[in-house]
Structure formats: structure tokens, C-alpha cells
C-alpha atoms as a PDB file:
ATOM      1  CA  MET A   1     143.334  93.538  73.018  1.00  0.00           C
ATOM      2  CA  ASN A   2     147.226  93.569  73.314  1.00  0.00           C
ATOM      3  CA  ASN A   3     147.539  96.151  75.947  1.00  0.00           C
ATOM      4  CA  PRO A   4     147.789  94.541  79.578  1.00  0.00           C
ATOM      5  CA  ILE A   5     145.551  96.960  81.211  1.00  0.00           C
ATOM      6  CA  GLN A   6     142.707  96.272  78.348  1.00  0.00           C
ATOM      7  CA  LEU A   7     143.123  92.828  79.519  1.00  0.00           C
ATOM      8  CA  LEU A   8     143.520  93.587  83.302  1.00  0.00           C
ATOM      9  CA  LEU A   9     139.696  95.383  82.739  1.00  0.00           C
ATOM     10  CA  VAL A  10     138.489  92.715  80.951  1.00  0.00           C
ATOM     11  CA  ILE A  11     138.892  90.082  83.391  1.00  0.00           C
ATOM     12  CA  ILE A  12     138.002  92.170  86.017  1.00  0.00           C
ATOM     13  CA  ILE A  13     134.618  93.066  84.645  1.00  0.00           C
ATOM     14  CA  ILE A  14     134.225  89.338  83.680  1.00  0.00           C
ATOM     15  CA  THR A  15     134.972  88.292  87.342  1.00  0.00           C
ATOM     16  CA  LEU A  16     132.428  90.796  88.620  1.00  0.00           C
ATOM     17  CA  THR A  17     129.642  90.125  86.397  1.00  0.00           C
ATOM     18  CA  ILE A  18     130.468  86.282  87.943  1.00  0.00           C
ATOM     19  CA  LEU A  19     130.285  87.704  91.508  1.00  0.00           C
ATOM     20  CA  ILE A  20     126.825  89.750  91.000  1.00  0.00           C
ATOM     21  CA  VAL A  21     125.226  86.552  89.344  1.00  0.00           C
ATOM     22  CA  LEU A  22     126.318  84.082  92.057  1.00  0.00           C
ATOM     23  CA  VAL A  23     125.174  86.813  94.321  1.00  0.00           C
ATOM     24  CA  ALA A  24     121.630  87.106  92.572  1.00  0.00           C
ATOM     25  CA  VAL A  25     120.755  83.390  92.759  1.00  0.00           C
ATOM     26  CA  GLN A  26     121.740  83.332  96.219  1.00  0.00           C
ATOM     27  CA  ALA A  27     119.327  86.245  97.322  1.00  0.00           C
ATOM     28  CA  VAL A  28     116.908  83.602  95.337  1.00  0.00           C
ATOM     29  CA  HIS A  29     117.453  80.842  97.371  1.00  0.00           C
ATOM     30  CA  VAL A  30     116.894  83.065 100.360  1.00  0.00           C
ATOM     31  CA  LEU A  31     114.012  84.177  99.762  1.00  0.00           C
ATOM     32  CA  VAL A  32     112.176  80.685  98.173  1.00  0.00           C
ATOM     33  CA  GLU A  33     113.712  79.599 101.982  1.00  0.00           C
ATOM     34  CA  LEU A  34     112.218  83.315 103.674  1.00  0.00           C
ATOM     35  CA  ARG A  35     108.733  81.877 101.799  1.00  0.00           C
ATOM     36  CA  GLN A  36     108.854  78.397 102.899  1.00  0.00           C
ATOM     37  CA  ILE A  37     109.296  79.452 106.378  1.00  0.00           C
ATOM     38  CA  ILE A  38     106.686  82.224 106.235  1.00  0.00           C
ATOM     39  CA  ARG A  39     104.325  79.424 105.400  1.00  0.00           C
ATOM     40  CA  ARG A  40     105.148  77.204 107.865  1.00  0.00           C
ATOM     41  CA  VAL A  41     104.758  80.132 110.431  1.00  0.00           C
ATOM     42  CA  ASN A  42     101.521  81.124 109.151  1.00  0.00           C
ATOM     43  CA  GLY A  43     100.457  77.007 109.469  1.00  0.00           C
ATOM     44  CA  PHE A  44     101.533  76.926 113.364  1.00  0.00           C
ATOM     45  CA  LEU A  45      99.618  80.487 113.590  1.00  0.00           C
ATOM     46  CA  ASP A  46      96.255  78.985 112.369  1.00  0.00           C
ATOM     47  CA  ALA A  47      97.071  75.931 114.055  1.00  0.00           C
ATOM     48  CA  GLY A  48      97.227  77.796 117.143  1.00  0.00           C
ATOM     49  CA  LYS A  49      94.196  80.099 116.322  1.00  0.00           C
ATOM     50  CA  ASN A  50      92.050  76.563 115.795  1.00  0.00           C
ATOM     51  CA  LEU A  51      93.628  75.488 118.990  1.00  0.00           C
ATOM     52  CA  GLY A  52      92.448  78.760 120.864  1.00  0.00           C
ATOM     53  CA  ASP A  53      88.583  78.432 118.566  1.00  0.00           C
ATOM     54  CA  ALA A  54      88.458  74.514 119.948  1.00  0.00           C
ATOM     55  CA  THR A  55      89.045  75.211 123.777  1.00  0.00           C
ATOM     56  CA  ALA A  56      86.725  78.943 123.509  1.00  0.00           C
ATOM     57  CA  GLU A  57      84.223  76.304 122.421  1.00  0.00           C
ATOM     58  CA  LEU A  58      84.458  73.591 125.225  1.00  0.00           C
ATOM     59  CA  ARG A  59      84.819  75.708 128.246  1.00  0.00           C
ATOM     60  CA  ARG A  60      81.430  77.306 126.501  1.00  0.00           C
ATOM     61  CA  PHE A  61      79.691  73.749 126.380  1.00  0.00           C
ATOM     62  CA  PHE A  62      81.029  72.976 129.893  1.00  0.00           C
ATOM     63  CA  LYS A  63      79.583  76.297 131.334  1.00  0.00           C
ATOM     64  CA  ARG A  64      76.252  75.147 129.635  1.00  0.00           C
ATOM     65  CA  ASP A  65      76.898  72.223 131.250  1.00  0.00           C
ATOM     66  CA  GLY A  66      76.906  73.636 134.957  1.00  0.00           C
ATOM     67  CA  ARG A  67      80.768  72.787 135.221  1.00  0.00           C
ATOM     68  CA  VAL A  68      83.409  75.265 136.408  1.00  0.00           C
ATOM     69  CA  VAL A  69      86.029  75.088 133.577  1.00  0.00           C
ATOM     70  CA  LYS A  70      88.997  77.675 134.783  1.00  0.00           C
END
């Protein structure tokens, strides 16, 4: 490894390997964040669906009771 070109190539390869590992770790963090965001959005959608079901149930109840509900 006396040749400076070989030494430079080894340094470049090591640097690229470190960069690839760092990018992979960052990608995993992004995927974990996306999964948490998707879970929250699904929770909000479920809550909205439940709220819509409850609203429809109340409308049916009041229609049976003879009151007008808009």
C-alpha cells in the first residue's frame, strides 16, 4: 500500500461506505416517522368515522321522535 493512488482509493471507499451506512440509518428513521404519522392519520380517520356514525344514529333517533333535524 505504498502507492498513493491505492491509499486514496481506500480512503474514498471507506468514506463512501460510511456515507451509505448513514443514509440507510436516516432512511430507517424516516420510515419509522412515516409509520407513526400513518397511525395517527388512521386514528383520526377512525375517530371521524365513529363521529359520523354517532351523528347518523342521533339523526335517526330524532327522526323517530318526530323532531326535524337538519
